[in-house]
Protein backbone atom coordinates (compact mmCIF):
# COMPACT_ATOMS: atom_id res chain seq x y z
CA UNK A 1 -141.43 -20.71 119.93
CA UNK A 2 -145.16 -21.22 120.33
CA UNK A 3 -146.40 -24.71 119.50
CA UNK A 4 -149.93 -24.99 118.10
CA UNK A 5 -151.80 -28.21 117.43
CA UNK A 6 -153.91 -27.08 114.51
CA UNK A 7 -154.41 -23.51 113.32
CA UNK A 8 -156.30 -20.71 115.10
CA UNK A 9 -160.05 -20.62 114.57
CA UNK A 10 -160.00 -16.83 114.23
CA UNK A 11 -157.60 -14.75 112.13
CA UNK A 12 -154.13 -14.48 113.59
CA UNK A 13 -151.69 -11.60 113.26
CA UNK A 14 -150.08 -11.48 109.78
CA UNK A 15 -147.29 -14.03 109.37
CA UNK A 16 -144.58 -15.31 107.03
CA UNK A 17 -144.93 -19.07 106.62
CA UNK A 18 -143.36 -22.16 105.15
CA UNK A 19 -144.97 -25.59 104.84
CA UNK A 20 -143.48 -29.07 104.88
CA UNK A 21 -142.91 -32.31 106.75
CA UNK A 22 -139.41 -31.27 107.87
CA UNK A 23 -138.44 -34.84 108.75
CA UNK A 24 -134.86 -34.67 109.99
CA UNK A 25 -134.64 -30.87 109.65
CA UNK A 26 -131.70 -31.36 107.27
CA UNK A 27 -129.55 -28.82 105.41
CA UNK A 28 -132.19 -28.33 102.72
CA UNK A 29 -134.73 -27.50 105.40
CA UNK A 30 -132.26 -25.19 107.13
CA UNK A 31 -131.86 -23.23 103.89
CA UNK A 32 -135.63 -22.76 103.72
CA UNK A 33 -135.78 -21.67 107.35
CA UNK A 34 -133.01 -19.12 106.80
CA UNK A 35 -134.98 -17.61 103.88
CA UNK A 36 -138.08 -17.58 106.07
CA UNK A 37 -136.30 -15.70 108.84
CA UNK A 38 -134.87 -13.20 106.36
CA UNK A 39 -138.33 -12.55 104.90
CA UNK A 40 -139.83 -12.12 108.35
CA UNK A 41 -137.14 -9.61 109.27
CA UNK A 42 -137.56 -7.57 106.07
CA UNK A 43 -141.36 -7.55 106.31
CA UNK A 44 -141.47 -7.12 110.10
CA UNK A 45 -143.52 -10.32 110.43
CA UNK A 46 -143.36 -13.25 112.84
CA UNK A 47 -142.32 -16.47 111.12
CA UNK A 48 -144.10 -19.80 111.24
CA UNK A 49 -143.84 -23.39 110.05
CA UNK A 50 -146.79 -25.63 109.19
CA UNK A 51 -146.17 -29.37 109.45
CA UNK A 52 -148.29 -32.50 109.75
CA UNK A 53 -148.91 -35.40 112.12
CA UNK A 54 -148.93 -38.17 111.14
CA UNK A 55 -146.71 -37.89 108.09
CA UNK A 56 -149.07 -37.99 105.05
CA UNK A 57 -147.37 -41.12 103.74
CA UNK A 58 -148.10 -42.84 107.06
CA UNK A 59 -151.76 -41.94 106.62
CA UNK A 60 -152.10 -43.07 103.01
CA UNK A 61 -149.81 -46.13 103.14
CA UNK A 62 -149.36 -47.16 106.78
CA UNK A 63 -148.00 -50.57 105.87
CA UNK A 64 -144.98 -49.35 103.91
CA UNK A 65 -144.48 -45.76 105.06
CA UNK A 66 -140.81 -44.82 105.41
CA UNK A 67 -139.07 -44.76 108.75
CA UNK A 68 -139.03 -41.32 110.33
CA UNK A 69 -135.71 -39.57 110.80
CA UNK A 70 -137.10 -37.71 113.81
CA UNK A 71 -139.94 -38.22 116.25
CA UNK A 72 -142.47 -35.41 116.60
CA UNK A 73 -140.79 -34.22 119.79
CA UNK A 74 -137.36 -34.21 118.16
CA UNK A 75 -138.70 -32.25 115.19
CA UNK A 76 -140.26 -29.66 117.49
CA UNK A 77 -136.95 -29.27 119.34
CA UNK A 78 -134.93 -28.90 116.15
CA UNK A 79 -137.31 -26.30 114.71
CA UNK A 80 -137.35 -24.40 117.98
CA UNK A 81 -133.57 -24.10 117.74
CA UNK A 82 -133.96 -22.36 114.36
CA UNK A 83 -135.66 -19.21 115.65
CA UNK A 84 -139.21 -20.03 114.57
CA UNK A 85 -141.95 -18.00 116.26
CA UNK A 86 -144.86 -20.37 115.61
CA UNK A 87 -145.07 -24.07 114.76
CA UNK A 88 -148.44 -25.37 113.59
CA UNK A 89 -148.84 -29.16 113.73
CA UNK A 90 -151.91 -30.06 111.67
CA UNK A 91 -153.63 -33.40 112.24
CA UNK A 92 -153.45 -35.18 108.90
CA UNK A 93 -156.63 -37.26 108.72
CA UNK A 94 -159.25 -38.18 106.11
CA UNK A 95 -161.00 -34.83 106.39
CA UNK A 96 -157.77 -32.87 106.01
CA UNK A 97 -156.65 -35.02 103.06
CA UNK A 98 -159.99 -34.62 101.26
CA UNK A 99 -160.14 -30.82 101.26
CA UNK A 100 -159.70 -29.08 97.94
CA UNK A 101 -156.56 -27.00 97.26
CA UNK A 102 -158.77 -23.91 97.16
CA UNK A 103 -160.20 -24.63 100.62
CA UNK A 104 -156.72 -25.20 102.05
CA UNK A 105 -155.55 -21.81 100.82
CA UNK A 106 -158.74 -19.82 101.43
CA UNK A 107 -159.55 -21.20 104.88
CA UNK A 108 -156.29 -22.31 106.46
CA UNK A 109 -153.68 -20.03 104.96
CA UNK A 110 -155.65 -16.84 104.39
CA UNK A 111 -158.60 -16.69 106.77
CA UNK A 112 -157.06 -18.44 109.78
CA UNK A 113 -153.30 -17.93 109.49
CA UNK A 114 -153.42 -14.55 107.73
CA UNK A 115 -150.29 -15.18 105.68
CA UNK A 116 -148.46 -12.35 103.96
CA UNK A 117 -145.49 -14.30 102.61
CA UNK A 118 -145.25 -18.02 101.78
CA UNK A 119 -142.29 -20.25 100.91
CA UNK A 120 -142.74 -23.78 99.56
CA UNK A 121 -140.44 -26.40 98.08
CA UNK A 122 -140.16 -26.69 94.31
CA UNK A 123 -142.02 -30.04 94.41
CA UNK A 124 -144.78 -28.92 96.81
CA UNK A 125 -148.26 -30.29 96.06
CA UNK A 126 -151.32 -30.01 98.28
CA UNK A 127 -155.04 -30.64 98.57
CA UNK A 128 -157.13 -33.63 97.50
CA UNK A 129 -155.33 -35.80 94.94
CA UNK A 130 -152.35 -33.42 95.23
CA UNK A 131 -154.11 -31.13 92.78
CA UNK A 132 -152.72 -27.88 94.19
CA UNK A 133 -149.39 -26.55 92.94
CA UNK A 134 -147.19 -23.45 92.86
CA UNK A 135 -149.18 -21.86 90.02
CA UNK A 136 -152.39 -22.06 92.05
CA UNK A 137 -150.61 -20.51 95.03
CA UNK A 138 -149.42 -17.63 92.85
CA UNK A 139 -152.95 -17.03 91.58
CA UNK A 140 -154.31 -17.07 95.11
CA UNK A 141 -151.53 -14.77 96.25
CA UNK A 142 -152.47 -12.16 93.66
CA UNK A 143 -156.11 -12.41 94.71
CA UNK A 144 -155.58 -12.26 98.48
CA UNK A 145 -152.46 -10.14 98.60
CA UNK A 146 -149.71 -12.48 99.78
CA UNK A 147 -146.34 -13.22 98.16
CA UNK A 148 -145.28 -16.74 97.19
CA UNK A 149 -141.73 -17.97 96.62
CA UNK A 150 -140.30 -21.35 95.72
CA UNK A 151 -137.24 -23.04 97.24
CA UNK A 152 -135.10 -24.94 94.76
CA UNK A 153 -133.38 -28.13 95.87
CA UNK A 154 -130.17 -27.84 97.87
CA UNK A 155 -127.39 -29.89 96.26
CA UNK A 156 -124.49 -31.67 97.95
CA UNK A 157 -122.03 -32.76 95.28
CA UNK A 158 -124.28 -34.43 92.74
CA UNK A 159 -127.04 -35.31 95.23
CA UNK A 160 -130.24 -33.46 96.03
CA UNK A 161 -130.48 -33.25 99.81
CA UNK A 162 -133.69 -34.95 100.90
CA UNK A 163 -135.10 -36.96 103.77
CA UNK A 164 -135.41 -39.95 101.42
CA UNK A 165 -131.71 -39.90 100.53
CA UNK A 166 -130.74 -39.59 104.20
CA UNK A 167 -132.89 -42.63 105.02
CA UNK A 168 -131.10 -44.58 102.30
CA UNK A 169 -127.70 -43.62 103.69
CA UNK A 170 -128.71 -44.59 107.22
CA UNK A 171 -130.11 -47.92 106.02
CA UNK A 172 -126.74 -48.65 104.35
CA UNK A 173 -124.89 -47.70 107.52
CA UNK A 174 -123.29 -44.64 105.93
CA UNK A 175 -123.56 -42.53 109.05
CA UNK A 176 -120.95 -40.00 108.01
CA UNK A 177 -122.75 -39.29 104.73
CA UNK A 178 -126.08 -38.93 106.49
CA UNK A 179 -124.50 -36.56 109.03
CA UNK A 180 -123.13 -34.40 106.20
CA UNK A 181 -126.58 -33.99 104.63
CA UNK A 182 -128.25 -33.43 107.98
CA UNK A 183 -125.65 -30.90 109.05
CA UNK A 184 -125.32 -32.80 112.34
CA UNK A 185 -125.01 -36.41 113.51
CA UNK A 186 -128.22 -38.42 113.36
CA UNK A 187 -129.56 -39.03 116.85
CA UNK A 188 -132.20 -40.81 118.93
CA UNK A 189 -133.60 -39.28 122.11
CA UNK A 190 -135.65 -40.65 124.98
CA UNK A 191 -135.73 -41.42 128.68
CA UNK A 192 -133.37 -44.00 130.11
CA UNK A 193 -135.28 -47.03 131.35
CA UNK A 194 -134.35 -50.08 133.40
CA UNK A 195 -133.30 -53.10 131.36
CA UNK A 196 -132.75 -56.78 132.07
CA UNK A 197 -129.23 -56.12 133.47
CA UNK A 198 -127.57 -58.72 131.20
CA UNK A 199 -124.92 -56.25 130.03
CA UNK A 200 -124.13 -55.24 133.60
CA UNK A 201 -123.53 -58.87 134.58
CA UNK A 202 -120.97 -59.12 131.76
CA UNK A 203 -119.20 -55.88 132.67
CA UNK A 204 -120.93 -53.77 130.02
CA UNK A 205 -123.77 -51.84 131.70
CA UNK A 206 -125.97 -49.92 129.28
CA UNK A 207 -128.29 -46.92 129.20
CA UNK A 208 -131.47 -48.30 127.63
CA UNK A 209 -133.98 -46.35 125.54
CA UNK A 210 -137.16 -48.16 124.42
CA UNK A 211 -137.98 -47.25 120.82
CA UNK A 212 -141.73 -46.74 120.36
CA UNK A 213 -141.50 -45.91 116.65
CA UNK A 214 -143.03 -48.52 114.38
CA UNK A 215 -140.00 -48.46 112.10
CA UNK A 216 -136.41 -47.35 112.66
CA UNK A 217 -134.11 -46.13 109.88
CA UNK A 218 -131.12 -47.98 111.38
CA UNK A 219 -130.21 -51.19 113.16
CA UNK A 220 -126.84 -52.53 114.22
CA UNK A 221 -123.82 -51.65 116.33
CA UNK A 222 -122.41 -48.11 116.37
CA UNK A 223 -119.84 -45.77 117.89
CA UNK A 224 -122.04 -43.37 119.84
CA UNK A 225 -121.98 -40.12 121.75
CA UNK A 226 -124.51 -39.53 124.53
CA UNK A 227 -125.60 -36.10 125.76
CA UNK A 228 -127.57 -35.70 128.99
CA UNK A 229 -129.07 -32.70 130.75
CA UNK A 230 -125.76 -31.98 132.51
CA UNK A 231 -124.30 -31.04 129.13
CA UNK A 232 -121.44 -33.53 129.36
CA UNK A 233 -120.66 -35.54 126.22
CA UNK A 234 -119.96 -39.19 126.89
CA UNK A 235 -118.64 -41.74 124.43
CA UNK A 236 -119.52 -45.36 124.01
CA UNK A 237 -120.82 -48.16 121.83
CA UNK A 238 -124.51 -48.54 121.03
CA UNK A 239 -126.80 -51.28 119.77
CA UNK A 240 -130.07 -50.53 117.95
CA UNK A 241 -132.56 -53.29 117.26
CA UNK A 242 -134.38 -56.24 118.78
CA UNK A 243 -131.33 -58.08 120.19
CA UNK A 244 -131.74 -61.42 118.38
CA UNK A 245 -128.73 -62.79 120.23
CA UNK A 246 -130.54 -62.30 123.58
CA UNK A 247 -134.24 -62.74 122.84
CA UNK A 248 -136.10 -64.34 119.96
CA UNK A 249 -138.85 -61.69 119.90
CA UNK A 250 -137.40 -58.69 121.66
CA UNK A 251 -138.75 -55.15 121.51
CA UNK A 252 -136.87 -52.41 119.67
CA UNK A 253 -134.27 -50.95 121.99
CA UNK A 254 -131.30 -48.62 121.95
CA UNK A 255 -128.62 -49.80 124.38
CA UNK A 256 -125.55 -47.62 124.94
CA UNK A 257 -122.52 -48.74 126.92
CA UNK A 258 -120.64 -45.64 128.08
CA UNK A 259 -116.90 -45.79 128.56
CA UNK A 260 -115.51 -45.05 132.02
CA UNK A 261 -118.91 -44.07 133.43
CA UNK A 262 -120.45 -45.33 136.66
CA UNK A 263 -123.27 -42.84 137.27
CA UNK A 264 -127.05 -43.20 137.16
CA UNK A 265 -129.02 -41.91 134.16
CA UNK A 266 -132.35 -43.63 134.93
CA UNK A 267 -135.32 -41.40 134.11
CA UNK A 268 -133.21 -38.78 132.41
CA UNK A 269 -133.89 -37.70 128.85
CA UNK A 270 -130.77 -38.21 126.75
CA UNK A 271 -129.69 -37.72 123.15
CA UNK A 272 -127.63 -40.47 121.54
CA UNK A 273 -125.76 -39.62 118.34
CA UNK A 274 -124.78 -42.58 116.17
CA UNK A 275 -121.50 -41.65 114.50
CA UNK A 276 -120.16 -44.78 112.81
CA UNK A 277 -121.57 -48.24 112.09
CA UNK A 278 -119.48 -51.33 112.79
CA UNK A 279 -121.80 -54.21 111.95
CA UNK A 280 -125.38 -55.48 111.68
CA UNK A 281 -127.24 -57.31 114.42
CA UNK A 282 -126.65 -61.04 114.44
CA UNK A 283 -127.17 -64.18 116.50
CA UNK A 284 -124.35 -66.15 118.18
CA UNK A 285 -123.86 -69.83 118.83
CA UNK A 286 -123.41 -69.34 122.57
CA UNK A 287 -123.17 -66.75 125.34
CA UNK A 288 -119.36 -66.74 125.32
CA UNK A 289 -119.29 -65.82 121.64
CA UNK A 290 -121.74 -62.96 122.26
CA UNK A 291 -119.73 -61.66 125.22
CA UNK A 292 -116.51 -61.75 123.19
CA UNK A 293 -118.18 -59.83 120.36
CA UNK A 294 -119.46 -57.16 122.75
CA UNK A 295 -115.91 -56.70 124.06
CA UNK A 296 -114.64 -56.39 120.49
CA UNK A 297 -117.34 -53.86 119.61
CA UNK A 298 -116.39 -51.76 122.63
CA UNK A 299 -112.71 -51.88 121.69
CA UNK A 300 -113.54 -50.89 118.09
CA UNK A 301 -115.50 -47.91 119.36
CA UNK A 302 -112.64 -46.84 121.65
CA UNK A 303 -110.27 -47.04 118.69
CA UNK A 304 -112.67 -45.00 116.56
CA UNK A 305 -112.82 -42.18 119.11
CA UNK A 306 -109.05 -42.27 119.64
CA UNK A 307 -108.56 -41.80 115.89
CA UNK A 308 -111.05 -38.91 115.89
CA UNK A 309 -109.09 -37.24 118.66
CA UNK A 310 -105.87 -37.53 116.64
CA UNK A 311 -107.53 -35.84 113.64
CA UNK A 312 -108.93 -32.97 115.72
C-alpha cells in the first residue's frame, strides 16, 4: 500500500475510492472495503481510501472530541492489511473545512484523484457546513463520468455497527462486545519503555507503553494478550490509566505483566489486546493492600485464560 499525505497535485491514474474516518476499522468498515476491492477488480482499477488527520471532530470541538479507537499508525496498519493500493491522509484544517462541496469534488476527487468509482456511507456529508450529500455526488458523477454508490449500515443484532457504539462498549468495560463489532480484539500498540520498576520490586515486572493520546477509550485492569515482533503470543494482566494508587498525577500508561516471561522487550514495538475487564482503577489505603490486589488481578487473569483454553 502506498501512503500519501494529501492528494497528488497533478491528475493520478484512474482509481476506485472510498472516503471516511475509519476509526477502529470495524466490521462496517470492512464491508465497505470488500465492496471497494470488488469494484476495483471488476473495473480493473487500483483502489484507494481517503481519510483525515486530525479527526474532524477533534478539529471542530477539541475539548470534547471522542477518544480514538486507533492511532493514525494503527489505522494505517489495519487498512494496509485489507489490500488497499493507496491511502490518502488529508490534513483537516480550517482551509480544508471551509471549502465548498463543489470544490471538494471538482478539485480533489476529479481533477487530482481522477476517480471513476466512489463509495460513501449512507450518512456521508462533506464540504463547508456539511452541505454536500449523496445527491450532489450523483449529480457530479453524471457530469464528470464517475459512478457513486452508497453503503448502508451494517447491523449486528439490533445494533448499527459504528465507532461511536464501540467507544460506548469500551467505556463500559464490555470488551467482548466491542471485539465482536470490531471483528478482532481491541488493542493498543507502542514501544516498550523503561518504567519506575515498582512492579518488578513486588514480583510483577511489566512491559510499559506510554500513551500519548489525549484521551483513551478505556481505563482499568484487564486480561491481556501481547504480541511482539517474534510472533509469539504472551498472556498477562494489564493496567491502563494514570495509576492513582502509585502517583497522584501520573501520566497515562499501559502496564502489562506477562505470565512466566523473563525476557527483555525494551524498545520493541508490541501490540496489546485487552480481552476482558476486571475492575476500574482505584486507590488503596497502603502499599500492602495494593500489592495484594495486584496478585489477585494476576490470578483472575490466569483463571480467565485457563477457562478460555477449556472452551477452545
